[in-house]
C-alpha atoms as a PDB file:
ATOM      1  CA  UNK A   1      -8.359  -3.147   0.090  1.00  0.00           C
ATOM      2  CA  UNK A   2     -11.716  -3.537   2.046  1.00  0.00           C
ATOM      3  CA  UNK A   3     -13.710  -3.340  -1.121  1.00  0.00           C
ATOM      4  CA  UNK A   4     -15.946  -6.365  -0.508  1.00  0.00           C
ATOM      5  CA  UNK A   5     -19.222  -5.824   1.260  1.00  0.00           C
ATOM      6  CA  UNK A   6     -18.074  -8.400   3.974  1.00  0.00           C
ATOM      7  CA  UNK A   7     -15.218  -6.227   5.081  1.00  0.00           C
ATOM      8  CA  UNK A   8     -17.201  -3.029   4.901  1.00  0.00           C
ATOM      9  CA  UNK A   9     -19.970  -4.599   6.976  1.00  0.00           C
ATOM     10  CA  UNK A  10     -17.318  -5.645   9.712  1.00  0.00           C
ATOM     11  CA  UNK A  11     -15.733  -2.141   9.648  1.00  0.00           C
ATOM     12  CA  UNK A  12     -18.979  -0.422  10.339  1.00  0.00           C
ATOM     13  CA  UNK A  13     -20.245  -2.926  13.014  1.00  0.00           C
ATOM     14  CA  UNK A  14     -16.964  -3.035  14.797  1.00  0.00           C
ATOM     15  CA  UNK A  15     -16.521   0.860  14.922  1.00  0.00           C
ATOM     16  CA  UNK A  16     -19.953   1.204  16.269  1.00  0.00           C
ATOM     17  CA  UNK A  17     -19.268  -1.387  19.029  1.00  0.00           C
ATOM     18  CA  UNK A  18     -16.020   0.285  20.141  1.00  0.00           C
ATOM     19  CA  UNK A  19     -17.440   3.753  20.050  1.00  0.00           C
ATOM     20  CA  UNK A  20     -18.438   4.018  23.672  1.00  0.00           C
ATOM     21  CA  UNK A  21     -15.108   2.741  25.013  1.00  0.00           C
ATOM     22  CA  UNK A  22     -12.601   4.149  22.543  1.00  0.00           C
ATOM     23  CA  UNK A  23     -13.839   7.187  20.435  1.00  0.00           C
ATOM     24  CA  UNK A  24     -10.558   7.854  18.742  1.00  0.00           C
ATOM     25  CA  UNK A  25     -10.382   4.047  17.469  1.00  0.00           C
ATOM     26  CA  UNK A  26     -14.112   4.218  16.293  1.00  0.00           C
ATOM     27  CA  UNK A  27     -13.456   7.467  14.465  1.00  0.00           C
ATOM     28  CA  UNK A  28     -10.413   5.943  12.510  1.00  0.00           C
ATOM     29  CA  UNK A  29     -12.437   2.900  11.656  1.00  0.00           C
ATOM     30  CA  UNK A  30     -15.210   5.023  10.212  1.00  0.00           C
ATOM     31  CA  UNK A  31     -12.742   6.956   8.197  1.00  0.00           C
ATOM     32  CA  UNK A  32     -11.167   3.779   6.924  1.00  0.00           C
ATOM     33  CA  UNK A  33     -14.756   2.545   6.026  1.00  0.00           C
ATOM     34  CA  UNK A  34     -15.409   5.685   4.020  1.00  0.00           C
ATOM     35  CA  UNK A  35     -12.048   5.530   2.380  1.00  0.00           C
ATOM     36  CA  UNK A  36     -12.635   1.776   1.397  1.00  0.00           C
ATOM     37  CA  UNK A  37     -15.989   2.648  -0.081  1.00  0.00           C
ATOM     38  CA  UNK A  38     -14.407   5.323  -2.057  1.00  0.00           C
ATOM     39  CA  UNK A  39     -11.625   3.184  -3.385  1.00  0.00           C
ATOM     40  CA  UNK A  40     -13.679   0.077  -4.209  1.00  0.00           C
ATOM     41  CA  UNK A  41     -15.358   1.544  -7.220  1.00  0.00           C
ATOM     42  CA  UNK A  42     -12.193   3.180  -8.465  1.00  0.00           C
ATOM     43  CA  UNK A  43     -10.501  -0.360  -8.401  1.00  0.00           C
ATOM     44  CA  UNK A  44     -13.396  -1.702 -10.369  1.00  0.00           C
ATOM     45  CA  UNK A  45     -13.196   1.115 -12.911  1.00  0.00           C
ATOM     46  CA  UNK A  46      -9.406   0.736 -13.055  1.00  0.00           C
ATOM     47  CA  UNK A  47      -9.681  -3.046 -13.694  1.00  0.00           C
ATOM     48  CA  UNK A  48     -12.316  -2.638 -16.442  1.00  0.00           C
ATOM     49  CA  UNK A  49     -10.205   0.045 -18.128  1.00  0.00           C
ATOM     50  CA  UNK A  50      -7.139  -2.356 -18.307  1.00  0.00           C
ATOM     51  CA  UNK A  51      -9.103  -5.170 -19.497  1.00  0.00           C
ATOM     52  CA  UNK A  52      -9.741  -3.375 -22.770  1.00  0.00           C
ATOM     53  CA  UNK A  53      -6.182  -3.155 -23.809  1.00  0.00           C
ATOM     54  CA  UNK A  54      -3.424  -4.084 -21.485  1.00  0.00           C
ATOM     55  CA  UNK A  55      -0.690  -3.238 -23.960  1.00  0.00           C
ATOM     56  CA  UNK A  56      -1.412   0.399 -24.527  1.00  0.00           C
ATOM     57  CA  UNK A  57       0.213   3.142 -22.633  1.00  0.00           C
ATOM     58  CA  UNK A  58      -1.961   4.463 -19.855  1.00  0.00           C
ATOM     59  CA  UNK A  59      -3.375   7.873 -20.982  1.00  0.00           C
ATOM     60  CA  UNK A  60      -5.437   9.027 -17.945  1.00  0.00           C
ATOM     61  CA  UNK A  61      -3.582   8.801 -14.713  1.00  0.00           C
ATOM     62  CA  UNK A  62      -5.799  10.445 -12.279  1.00  0.00           C
ATOM     63  CA  UNK A  63      -7.636   7.434 -11.326  1.00  0.00           C
ATOM     64  CA  UNK A  64      -4.333   5.658 -10.670  1.00  0.00           C
ATOM     65  CA  UNK A  65      -2.921   8.441  -8.710  1.00  0.00           C
ATOM     66  CA  UNK A  66      -6.125   8.661  -6.608  1.00  0.00           C
ATOM     67  CA  UNK A  67      -6.043   4.800  -5.772  1.00  0.00           C
ATOM     68  CA  UNK A  68      -2.457   5.043  -4.688  1.00  0.00           C
ATOM     69  CA  UNK A  69      -2.928   8.252  -2.619  1.00  0.00           C
ATOM     70  CA  UNK A  70      -6.086   6.731  -0.971  1.00  0.00           C
ATOM     71  CA  UNK A  71      -4.220   3.512  -0.065  1.00  0.00           C
ATOM     72  CA  UNK A  72      -1.204   5.336   1.204  1.00  0.00           C
ATOM     73  CA  UNK A  73      -3.361   7.612   3.612  1.00  0.00           C
ATOM     74  CA  UNK A  74      -5.475   4.499   4.674  1.00  0.00           C
ATOM     75  CA  UNK A  75      -2.241   2.664   5.538  1.00  0.00           C
ATOM     76  CA  UNK A  76      -0.928   5.572   7.741  1.00  0.00           C
ATOM     77  CA  UNK A  77      -4.226   5.683   9.651  1.00  0.00           C
ATOM     78  CA  UNK A  78      -4.238   1.799  10.074  1.00  0.00           C
ATOM     79  CA  UNK A  79      -0.679   1.545  11.370  1.00  0.00           C
ATOM     80  CA  UNK A  80      -0.692   4.729  13.541  1.00  0.00           C
ATOM     81  CA  UNK A  81      -4.179   4.599  15.047  1.00  0.00           C
ATOM     82  CA  UNK A  82      -5.652   1.181  14.707  1.00  0.00           C
ATOM     83  CA  UNK A  83      -3.089  -1.478  14.829  1.00  0.00           C
ATOM     84  CA  UNK A  84      -1.597  -0.478  18.225  1.00  0.00           C
ATOM     85  CA  UNK A  85      -5.145  -0.576  19.783  1.00  0.00           C
ATOM     86  CA  UNK A  86      -6.451  -3.961  18.689  1.00  0.00           C
ATOM     87  CA  UNK A  87      -4.820  -6.148  21.005  1.00  0.00           C
ATOM     88  CA  UNK A  88      -7.810  -6.874  23.115  1.00  0.00           C
ATOM     89  CA  UNK A  89     -10.202  -7.580  20.269  1.00  0.00           C
ATOM     90  CA  UNK A  90     -10.610 -10.765  18.102  1.00  0.00           C
ATOM     91  CA  UNK A  91     -12.499  -9.836  15.014  1.00  0.00           C
ATOM     92  CA  UNK A  92     -11.136  -6.340  14.802  1.00  0.00           C
ATOM     93  CA  UNK A  93      -7.737  -7.634  15.217  1.00  0.00           C
ATOM     94  CA  UNK A  94      -8.109 -10.046  12.208  1.00  0.00           C
ATOM     95  CA  UNK A  95      -9.646  -7.308  10.242  1.00  0.00           C
ATOM     96  CA  UNK A  96      -6.817  -4.801  10.861  1.00  0.00           C
ATOM     97  CA  UNK A  97      -4.094  -7.334   9.788  1.00  0.00           C
ATOM     98  CA  UNK A  98      -6.216  -8.169   6.823  1.00  0.00           C
ATOM     99  CA  UNK A  99      -6.462  -4.374   5.873  1.00  0.00           C
ATOM    100  CA  UNK A 100      -2.798  -3.856   6.096  1.00  0.00           C
ATOM    101  CA  UNK A 101      -2.147  -6.838   3.714  1.00  0.00           C
ATOM    102  CA  UNK A 102      -4.889  -5.354   1.555  1.00  0.00           C
ATOM    103  CA  UNK A 103      -3.254  -1.946   1.067  1.00  0.00           C
ATOM    104  CA  UNK A 104       0.068  -3.439   0.232  1.00  0.00           C
ATOM    105  CA  UNK A 105      -1.876  -5.789  -2.305  1.00  0.00           C
ATOM    106  CA  UNK A 106      -2.823  -2.404  -4.070  1.00  0.00           C
ATOM    107  CA  UNK A 107       0.766  -1.154  -4.026  1.00  0.00           C
ATOM    108  CA  UNK A 108       1.925  -4.321  -5.739  1.00  0.00           C
ATOM    109  CA  UNK A 109      -0.895  -4.286  -8.283  1.00  0.00           C
ATOM    110  CA  UNK A 110      -0.425  -0.648  -9.355  1.00  0.00           C
ATOM    111  CA  UNK A 111       2.873   0.626  -8.107  1.00  0.00           C
ATOM    112  CA  UNK A 112       5.404  -2.220  -7.747  1.00  0.00           C
ATOM    113  CA  UNK A 113       8.977  -2.162  -9.117  1.00  0.00           C
ATOM    114  CA  UNK A 114       9.511  -4.217 -10.974  1.00  0.00           C
ATOM    115  CA  UNK A 115       5.886  -4.530 -12.244  1.00  0.00           C
ATOM    116  CA  UNK A 116       4.199  -7.897 -11.614  1.00  0.00           C
ATOM    117  CA  UNK A 117       0.781  -7.119 -12.979  1.00  0.00           C
ATOM    118  CA  UNK A 118      -0.862  -5.551 -16.047  1.00  0.00           C
ATOM    119  CA  UNK A 119      -2.677  -3.125 -13.588  1.00  0.00           C
ATOM    120  CA  UNK A 120       0.297  -1.065 -13.015  1.00  0.00           C
ATOM    121  CA  UNK A 121       1.089   2.298 -14.603  1.00  0.00           C
ATOM    122  CA  UNK A 122       3.387   1.909 -17.681  1.00  0.00           C
ATOM    123  CA  UNK A 123       4.202   5.636 -18.328  1.00  0.00           C
ATOM    124  CA  UNK A 124       7.041   7.853 -17.556  1.00  0.00           C
ATOM    125  CA  UNK A 125       6.509  11.239 -15.738  1.00  0.00           C
ATOM    126  CA  UNK A 126       6.939  13.023 -19.160  1.00  0.00           C
ATOM    127  CA  UNK A 127       4.030  11.032 -20.672  1.00  0.00           C
ATOM    128  CA  UNK A 128       2.027  11.694 -17.407  1.00  0.00           C
ATOM    129  CA  UNK A 129       2.466  15.346 -17.695  1.00  0.00           C
ATOM    130  CA  UNK A 130       1.583  15.350 -21.507  1.00  0.00           C
ATOM    131  CA  UNK A 131      -1.614  13.221 -20.728  1.00  0.00           C
ATOM    132  CA  UNK A 132      -2.761  15.391 -17.860  1.00  0.00           C
ATOM    133  CA  UNK A 133      -1.982  18.763 -19.097  1.00  0.00           C
ATOM    134  CA  UNK A 134      -3.654  20.306 -22.083  1.00  0.00           C
ATOM    135  CA  UNK A 135      -1.853  21.877 -24.891  1.00  0.00           C
ATOM    136  CA  UNK A 136      -1.559  25.660 -23.893  1.00  0.00           C
ATOM    137  CA  UNK A 137       0.399  26.907 -26.910  1.00  0.00           C
ATOM    138  CA  UNK A 138      -1.897  29.001 -29.050  1.00  0.00           C
ATOM    139  CA  UNK A 139      -1.498  28.910 -32.905  1.00  0.00           C
ATOM    140  CA  UNK A 140       0.749  31.754 -34.000  1.00  0.00           C
ATOM    141  CA  UNK A 141      -0.168  33.707 -37.093  1.00  0.00           C
ATOM    142  CA  UNK A 142       2.251  33.674 -39.928  1.00  0.00           C
ATOM    143  CA  UNK A 143       3.191  37.298 -40.712  1.00  0.00           C
ATOM    144  CA  UNK A 144       5.192  36.451 -43.793  1.00  0.00           C
ATOM    145  CA  UNK A 145       8.528  37.481 -42.071  1.00  0.00           C
ATOM    146  CA  UNK A 146      10.102  34.056 -42.085  1.00  0.00           C
ATOM    147  CA  UNK A 147      10.224  31.272 -39.460  1.00  0.00           C
ATOM    148  CA  UNK A 148       8.818  32.362 -36.060  1.00  0.00           C
ATOM    149  CA  UNK A 149      11.102  30.826 -33.079  1.00  0.00           C
ATOM    150  CA  UNK A 150       9.199  32.052 -30.415  1.00  0.00           C
ATOM    151  CA  UNK A 151       7.287  29.030 -29.366  1.00  0.00           C
ATOM    152  CA  UNK A 152       9.886  27.901 -27.058  1.00  0.00           C
ATOM    153  CA  UNK A 153       9.667  31.151 -24.960  1.00  0.00           C
ATOM    154  CA  UNK A 154       5.839  31.050 -24.731  1.00  0.00           C
ATOM    155  CA  UNK A 155       4.606  30.764 -21.259  1.00  0.00           C
ATOM    156  CA  UNK A 156       7.702  32.128 -19.396  1.00  0.00           C
ATOM    157  CA  UNK A 157       7.792  35.374 -17.306  1.00  0.00           C
ATOM    158  CA  UNK A 158       9.493  38.281 -19.135  1.00  0.00           C
ATOM    159  CA  UNK A 159      12.269  38.056 -16.537  1.00  0.00           C
ATOM    160  CA  UNK A 160      13.060  34.503 -17.539  1.00  0.00           C
ATOM    161  CA  UNK A 161      13.384  35.015 -21.101  1.00  0.00           C
ATOM    162  CA  UNK A 162      16.963  35.205 -22.622  1.00  0.00           C
ATOM    163  CA  UNK A 163      17.749  36.302 -25.993  1.00  0.00           C
ATOM    164  CA  UNK A 164      20.946  34.074 -25.864  1.00  0.00           C
ATOM    165  CA  UNK A 165      20.194  30.675 -27.249  1.00  0.00           C
ATOM    166  CA  UNK A 166      22.096  27.773 -25.602  1.00  0.00           C
ATOM    167  CA  UNK A 167      24.079  26.729 -28.649  1.00  0.00           C
ATOM    168  CA  UNK A 168      27.341  25.698 -26.947  1.00  0.00           C
ATOM    169  CA  UNK A 169      27.432  22.125 -25.915  1.00  0.00           C
ATOM    170  CA  UNK A 170      28.525  23.128 -22.235  1.00  0.00           C
ATOM    171  CA  UNK A 171      25.276  25.098 -21.928  1.00  0.00           C
ATOM    172  CA  UNK A 172      23.256  22.222 -23.042  1.00  0.00           C
ATOM    173  CA  UNK A 173      24.663  19.910 -20.522  1.00  0.00           C
ATOM    174  CA  UNK A 174      26.807  17.798 -23.146  1.00  0.00           C
ATOM    175  CA  UNK A 175      30.425  16.897 -22.031  1.00  0.00           C
ATOM    176  CA  UNK A 176      33.114  18.233 -24.277  1.00  0.00           C
ATOM    177  CA  UNK A 177      36.351  16.786 -25.033  1.00  0.00           C
ATOM    178  CA  UNK A 178      38.264  14.970 -27.688  1.00  0.00           C
ATOM    179  CA  UNK A 179      36.623  12.195 -29.675  1.00  0.00           C
ATOM    180  CA  UNK A 180      36.818   8.778 -28.269  1.00  0.00           C
ATOM    181  CA  UNK A 181      39.330   6.300 -29.990  1.00  0.00           C
ATOM    182  CA  UNK A 182      37.716   3.845 -32.300  1.00  0.00           C
ATOM    183  CA  UNK A 183      36.280   0.888 -30.513  1.00  0.00           C
ATOM    184  CA  UNK A 184      35.509   2.836 -27.212  1.00  0.00           C
ATOM    185  CA  UNK A 185      32.444   4.650 -28.195  1.00  0.00           C
ATOM    186  CA  UNK A 186      30.105   2.331 -26.418  1.00  0.00           C
ATOM    187  CA  UNK A 187      31.989   2.842 -23.246  1.00  0.00           C
ATOM    188  CA  UNK A 188      31.860   6.582 -23.554  1.00  0.00           C
ATOM    189  CA  UNK A 189      28.202   6.511 -24.045  1.00  0.00           C
ATOM    190  CA  UNK A 190      27.451   4.235 -21.224  1.00  0.00           C
ATOM    191  CA  UNK A 191      29.287   6.713 -18.760  1.00  0.00           C
ATOM    192  CA  UNK A 192      27.347   9.764 -20.025  1.00  0.00           C
ATOM    193  CA  UNK A 193      23.881   7.701 -20.143  1.00  0.00           C
ATOM    194  CA  UNK A 194      21.261   9.510 -18.304  1.00  0.00           C
ATOM    195  CA  UNK A 195      19.597   7.377 -15.332  1.00  0.00           C
ATOM    196  CA  UNK A 196      16.007   5.787 -16.258  1.00  0.00           C
ATOM    197  CA  UNK A 197      13.047   7.959 -15.485  1.00  0.00           C
ATOM    198  CA  UNK A 198      11.091   7.282 -12.419  1.00  0.00           C
ATOM    199  CA  UNK A 199       7.625   5.901 -12.460  1.00  0.00           C
ATOM    200  CA  UNK A 200       4.817   8.447 -12.870  1.00  0.00           C
ATOM    201  CA  UNK A 201       3.444   7.879  -9.317  1.00  0.00           C
ATOM    202  CA  UNK A 202       6.987   8.131  -7.605  1.00  0.00           C
ATOM    203  CA  UNK A 203       5.816  11.407  -6.128  1.00  0.00           C
ATOM    204  CA  UNK A 204       3.120   9.745  -4.003  1.00  0.00           C
ATOM    205  CA  UNK A 205       4.926   6.486  -2.977  1.00  0.00           C
ATOM    206  CA  UNK A 206       8.497   5.225  -3.380  1.00  0.00           C
ATOM    207  CA  UNK A 207       8.955   2.980  -6.201  1.00  0.00           C
ATOM    208  CA  UNK A 208      10.194  -0.346  -4.544  1.00  0.00           C
ATOM    209  CA  UNK A 209       9.347  -3.866  -4.560  1.00  0.00           C
ATOM    210  CA  UNK A 210       6.312  -4.294  -2.197  1.00  0.00           C
ATOM    211  CA  UNK A 211       5.724  -7.871  -3.174  1.00  0.00           C
ATOM    212  CA  UNK A 212       7.829  -9.757  -0.198  1.00  0.00           C
ATOM    213  CA  UNK A 213       6.113  -7.412   2.406  1.00  0.00           C
ATOM    214  CA  UNK A 214       2.620  -7.804   1.140  1.00  0.00           C
ATOM    215  CA  UNK A 215       3.152 -11.640   1.032  1.00  0.00           C
ATOM    216  CA  UNK A 216       4.467 -11.679   4.585  1.00  0.00           C
ATOM    217  CA  UNK A 217       1.376  -9.486   5.837  1.00  0.00           C
ATOM    218  CA  UNK A 218      -1.013 -11.943   4.182  1.00  0.00           C
ATOM    219  CA  UNK A 219       0.619 -14.828   5.757  1.00  0.00           C
ATOM    220  CA  UNK A 220       0.119 -13.096   9.199  1.00  0.00           C
ATOM    221  CA  UNK A 221      -3.320 -12.360   8.485  1.00  0.00           C
ATOM    222  CA  UNK A 222      -4.242 -15.954   7.545  1.00  0.00           C
ATOM    223  CA  UNK A 223      -2.338 -17.238  10.631  1.00  0.00           C
ATOM    224  CA  UNK A 224      -4.377 -14.996  12.833  1.00  0.00           C
ATOM    225  CA  UNK A 225      -7.570 -15.776  11.116  1.00  0.00           C
ATOM    226  CA  UNK A 226      -6.884 -19.506  11.497  1.00  0.00           C
ATOM    227  CA  UNK A 227      -6.200 -19.170  15.051  1.00  0.00           C
ATOM    228  CA  UNK A 228      -8.980 -16.925  16.394  1.00  0.00           C
ATOM    229  CA  UNK A 229     -11.951 -17.548  13.980  1.00  0.00           C
ATOM    230  CA  UNK A 230     -13.881 -20.779  12.837  1.00  0.00           C
ATOM    231  CA  UNK A 231     -13.699 -22.222   9.378  1.00  0.00           C
ATOM    232  CA  UNK A 232     -17.127 -20.726   8.194  1.00  0.00           C
ATOM    233  CA  UNK A 233     -16.541 -17.235   9.584  1.00  0.00           C
ATOM    234  CA  UNK A 234     -17.140 -14.799   6.789  1.00  0.00           C
ATOM    235  CA  UNK A 235     -14.196 -12.539   7.858  1.00  0.00           C
ATOM    236  CA  UNK A 236     -12.009 -15.685   7.734  1.00  0.00           C
ATOM    237  CA  UNK A 237     -13.174 -16.428   4.273  1.00  0.00           C
ATOM    238  CA  UNK A 238     -12.635 -12.895   3.186  1.00  0.00           C
ATOM    239  CA  UNK A 239      -8.935 -13.008   4.168  1.00  0.00           C
ATOM    240  CA  UNK A 240      -8.344 -16.463   2.467  1.00  0.00           C
ATOM    241  CA  UNK A 241     -10.332 -15.117  -0.688  1.00  0.00           C
ATOM    242  CA  UNK A 242      -7.877 -12.033  -1.207  1.00  0.00           C
ATOM    243  CA  UNK A 243      -4.998 -14.136  -0.338  1.00  0.00           C
ATOM    244  CA  UNK A 244      -6.037 -16.548  -3.109  1.00  0.00           C
ATOM    245  CA  UNK A 245      -6.264 -13.674  -5.547  1.00  0.00           C
ATOM    246  CA  UNK A 246      -2.854 -12.149  -4.477  1.00  0.00           C
ATOM    247  CA  UNK A 247      -1.202 -15.443  -5.048  1.00  0.00           C
ATOM    248  CA  UNK A 248      -2.729 -15.723  -8.652  1.00  0.00           C
ATOM    249  CA  UNK A 249      -2.294 -12.209  -9.863  1.00  0.00           C
ATOM    250  CA  UNK A 250       0.885 -11.047  -7.987  1.00  0.00           C
ATOM    251  CA  UNK A 251       2.880 -14.053  -6.975  1.00  0.00           C
ATOM    252  CA  UNK A 252       1.769 -15.925 -10.047  1.00  0.00           C
ATOM    253  CA  UNK A 253       1.461 -19.075  -8.105  1.00  0.00           C
ATOM    254  CA  UNK A 254      -1.663 -20.251  -9.810  1.00  0.00           C
ATOM    255  CA  UNK A 255      -1.554 -23.814  -8.420  1.00  0.00           C
ATOM    256  CA  UNK A 256      -1.012 -22.524  -4.800  1.00  0.00           C
ATOM    257  CA  UNK A 257      -4.031 -20.038  -5.353  1.00  0.00           C
ATOM    258  CA  UNK A 258      -6.289 -22.854  -6.455  1.00  0.00           C
ATOM    259  CA  UNK A 259      -5.285 -25.137  -3.559  1.00  0.00           C
ATOM    260  CA  UNK A 260      -5.856 -22.447  -1.143  1.00  0.00           C
ATOM    261  CA  UNK A 261      -9.342 -21.877  -2.390  1.00  0.00           C
ATOM    262  CA  UNK A 262     -10.006 -25.668  -2.334  1.00  0.00           C
ATOM    263  CA  UNK A 263      -8.842 -26.079   1.194  1.00  0.00           C
ATOM    264  CA  UNK A 264     -10.796 -23.013   2.507  1.00  0.00           C
ATOM    265  CA  UNK A 265     -13.897 -24.440   1.042  1.00  0.00           C
ATOM    266  CA  UNK A 266     -13.344 -27.916   2.727  1.00  0.00           C
ATOM    267  CA  UNK A 267     -12.858 -25.928   6.061  1.00  0.00           C
ATOM    268  CA  UNK A 268     -16.329 -24.432   5.479  1.00  0.00           C
ATOM    269  CA  UNK A 269     -18.187 -27.578   5.204  1.00  0.00           C
ATOM    270  CA  UNK A 270     -16.264 -29.169   8.117  1.00  0.00           C
ATOM    271  CA  UNK A 271     -17.073 -26.272  10.412  1.00  0.00           C
ATOM    272  CA  UNK A 272     -19.995 -26.928  12.904  1.00  0.00           C
ATOM    273  CA  UNK A 273     -20.270 -23.614  14.618  1.00  0.00           C
ATOM    274  CA  UNK A 274     -23.637 -21.732  14.348  1.00  0.00           C
ATOM    275  CA  UNK A 275     -23.957 -18.377  12.569  1.00  0.00           C
ATOM    276  CA  UNK A 276     -26.791 -15.890  11.906  1.00  0.00           C
ATOM    277  CA  UNK A 277     -28.449 -15.406   8.599  1.00  0.00           C
ATOM    278  CA  UNK A 278     -26.243 -12.424   7.437  1.00  0.00           C
ATOM    279  CA  UNK A 279     -23.013 -14.258   8.098  1.00  0.00           C
ATOM    280  CA  UNK A 280     -24.487 -17.313   6.490  1.00  0.00           C
ATOM    281  CA  UNK A 281     -25.234 -15.369   3.291  1.00  0.00           C
ATOM    282  CA  UNK A 282     -22.039 -13.715   3.359  1.00  0.00           C
ATOM    283  CA  UNK A 283     -20.251 -17.253   3.662  1.00  0.00           C
ATOM    284  CA  UNK A 284     -22.332 -18.480   0.729  1.00  0.00           C
ATOM    285  CA  UNK A 285     -21.211 -15.651  -1.583  1.00  0.00           C
ATOM    286  CA  UNK A 286     -17.593 -15.978  -0.543  1.00  0.00           C
ATOM    287  CA  UNK A 287     -17.687 -19.740  -1.148  1.00  0.00           C
ATOM    288  CA  UNK A 288     -19.018 -19.121  -4.634  1.00  0.00           C
ATOM    289  CA  UNK A 289     -16.056 -16.885  -5.270  1.00  0.00           C
ATOM    290  CA  UNK A 290     -13.701 -19.377  -3.934  1.00  0.00           C
ATOM    291  CA  UNK A 291     -15.179 -21.941  -6.173  1.00  0.00           C
ATOM    292  CA  UNK A 292     -14.620 -19.841  -9.339  1.00  0.00           C
ATOM    293  CA  UNK A 293     -11.021 -19.229  -8.053  1.00  0.00           C
ATOM    294  CA  UNK A 294     -10.554 -23.009  -7.512  1.00  0.00           C
ATOM    295  CA  UNK A 295     -11.078 -23.454 -11.195  1.00  0.00           C
ATOM    296  CA  UNK A 296      -9.338 -20.438 -12.551  1.00  0.00           C
ATOM    297  CA  UNK A 297      -6.757 -20.893 -15.183  1.00  0.00           C
ATOM    298  CA  UNK A 298      -7.794 -24.462 -15.883  1.00  0.00           C
ATOM    299  CA  UNK A 299      -9.836 -23.732 -18.947  1.00  0.00           C
ATOM    300  CA  UNK A 300     -12.642 -26.036 -19.937  1.00  0.00           C
ATOM    301  CA  UNK A 301     -11.197 -29.085 -18.326  1.00  0.00           C
ATOM    302  CA  UNK A 302     -11.369 -27.830 -14.933  1.00  0.00           C
ATOM    303  CA  UNK A 303     -14.896 -26.886 -14.955  1.00  0.00           C
ATOM    304  CA  UNK A 304     -17.594 -28.880 -12.819  1.00  0.00           C
ATOM    305  CA  UNK A 305     -20.274 -31.020 -14.399  1.00  0.00           C
ATOM    306  CA  UNK A 306     -22.807 -28.462 -13.610  1.00  0.00           C
ATOM    307  CA  UNK A 307     -21.229 -25.997 -15.840  1.00  0.00           C
ATOM    308  CA  UNK A 308     -22.287 -23.060 -13.687  1.00  0.00           C
ATOM    309  CA  UNK A 309     -21.893 -22.596  -9.982  1.00  0.00           C
ATOM    310  CA  UNK A 310     -19.379 -24.801  -8.178  1.00  0.00           C
ATOM    311  CA  UNK A 311     -21.251 -27.619  -6.331  1.00  0.00           C
ATOM    312  CA  UNK A 312     -20.003 -29.072  -3.113  1.00  0.00           C
ATOM    313  CA  UNK A 313     -20.018 -32.598  -4.698  1.00  0.00           C
ATOM    314  CA  UNK A 314     -18.085 -31.562  -7.640  1.00  0.00           C
ATOM    315  CA  UNK A 315     -15.220 -29.760  -5.644  1.00  0.00           C
ATOM    316  CA  UNK A 316     -14.483 -31.085  -2.209  1.00  0.00           C
ATOM    317  CA  UNK A 317     -17.164 -33.667  -1.552  1.00  0.00           C
ATOM    318  CA  UNK A 318     -20.660 -33.293  -0.026  1.00  0.00           C
ATOM    319  CA  UNK A 319     -20.601 -31.314   3.315  1.00  0.00           C
ATOM    320  CA  UNK A 320     -22.795 -29.435   5.561  1.00  0.00           C
ATOM    321  CA  UNK A 321     -22.919 -25.965   7.461  1.00  0.00           C
ATOM    322  CA  UNK A 322     -25.140 -25.618  10.471  1.00  0.00           C
ATOM    323  CA  UNK A 323     -27.101 -22.319  10.550  1.00  0.00           C
ATOM    324  CA  UNK A 324     -28.038 -21.082  14.026  1.00  0.00           C
ATOM    325  CA  UNK A 325     -27.023 -24.555  15.470  1.00  0.00           C
ATOM    326  CA  UNK A 326     -30.573 -26.085  14.278  1.00  0.00           C
ATOM    327  CA  UNK A 327     -30.256 -28.167  11.336  1.00  0.00           C
ATOM    328  CA  UNK A 328     -27.590 -29.106   8.662  1.00  0.00           C
ATOM    329  CA  UNK A 329     -28.273 -28.560   4.988  1.00  0.00           C
ATOM    330  CA  UNK A 330     -26.125 -28.843   2.056  1.00  0.00           C
ATOM    331  CA  UNK A 331     -24.937 -25.435   0.970  1.00  0.00           C
ATOM    332  CA  UNK A 332     -25.530 -24.506  -2.809  1.00  0.00           C
ATOM    333  CA  UNK A 333     -23.769 -21.218  -3.186  1.00  0.00           C
ATOM    334  CA  UNK A 334     -25.951 -18.635  -4.897  1.00  0.00           C
ATOM    335  CA  UNK A 335     -24.912 -16.311  -7.801  1.00  0.00           C
ATOM    336  CA  UNK A 336     -22.713 -13.639  -6.107  1.00  0.00           C
ATOM    337  CA  UNK A 337     -24.458 -10.143  -6.134  1.00  0.00           C
ATOM    338  CA  UNK A 338     -22.748  -7.207  -8.201  1.00  0.00           C
ATOM    339  CA  UNK A 339     -19.471  -6.198  -6.836  1.00  0.00           C
ATOM    340  CA  UNK A 340     -18.650  -9.496  -5.198  1.00  0.00           C
ATOM    341  CA  UNK A 341     -16.954 -11.199  -8.291  1.00  0.00           C
ATOM    342  CA  UNK A 342     -13.937  -8.775  -7.536  1.00  0.00           C
ATOM    343  CA  UNK A 343     -11.894 -10.521  -4.748  1.00  0.00           C
ATOM    344  CA  UNK A 344     -10.372  -7.374  -3.746  1.00  0.00           C
END
């Protein structure tokens, strides 16, 4: 999702630029910008909650449902109103393709079937209903007249109540017939076995495997960014950063994620195009994130000699990035600000 400050900057800037000529496209971009700002904080909250204990059953599902719903609505606006109208643009086209991959990235993280990440919802609809709905059954006083069997009837309208209890197997939905012969009990039980319950968020989005589609969209976004943008462009770095995170967290290709981060940093230092101060600062922040991702999963042996920020000499060799086309200087990436440590 467009949860990084870089993507949000480009969304607002490009929406303002196309507003005089295409008001509909600009309004959709502004809506996607507001949606992305809303879902960015929720993604951080969900990630922090799952970090506490990834083995427990998710108790509060409103956050996850809201993330999936926002992502679904954003994808609809993007595919219907933005992608068909970005053919004549450069940065906007790359950003639109990147956003489409980002929405599917969220689907893979939170709603993929089969699950590929610990971020997903691990409850059934019955557990979700129990977690979201409070217990509405009031305590019934004991009048000393025996066992009160009216709890199951509480909450139903008078016309729906029945004095006949479903005691017969046919009324309970249990198949009747002669007992199976010895040795065939397992086959009979397999025939009458109920289908597995659907995921809790199936009412918002079909529960399918979104991983191949997301992977294909990331490839398309990266190919487009490589063909249209130079190596140190912050939007191109944003595409590669999220793709590296997707490879690590969803595809579980850790070596591929590290190699992508390493090659992207090398392309930054090889680029000779000029850039303004804002893009220069964004590039430094994204290079810092890529440097951490390049050493992700390696433990203590994969760290640089400095022990902190990834230095260019310890990763891909000494390189230079020109700012405004004036002078070349070795880039020492600063510590990322709050919110940039999350690649999505």
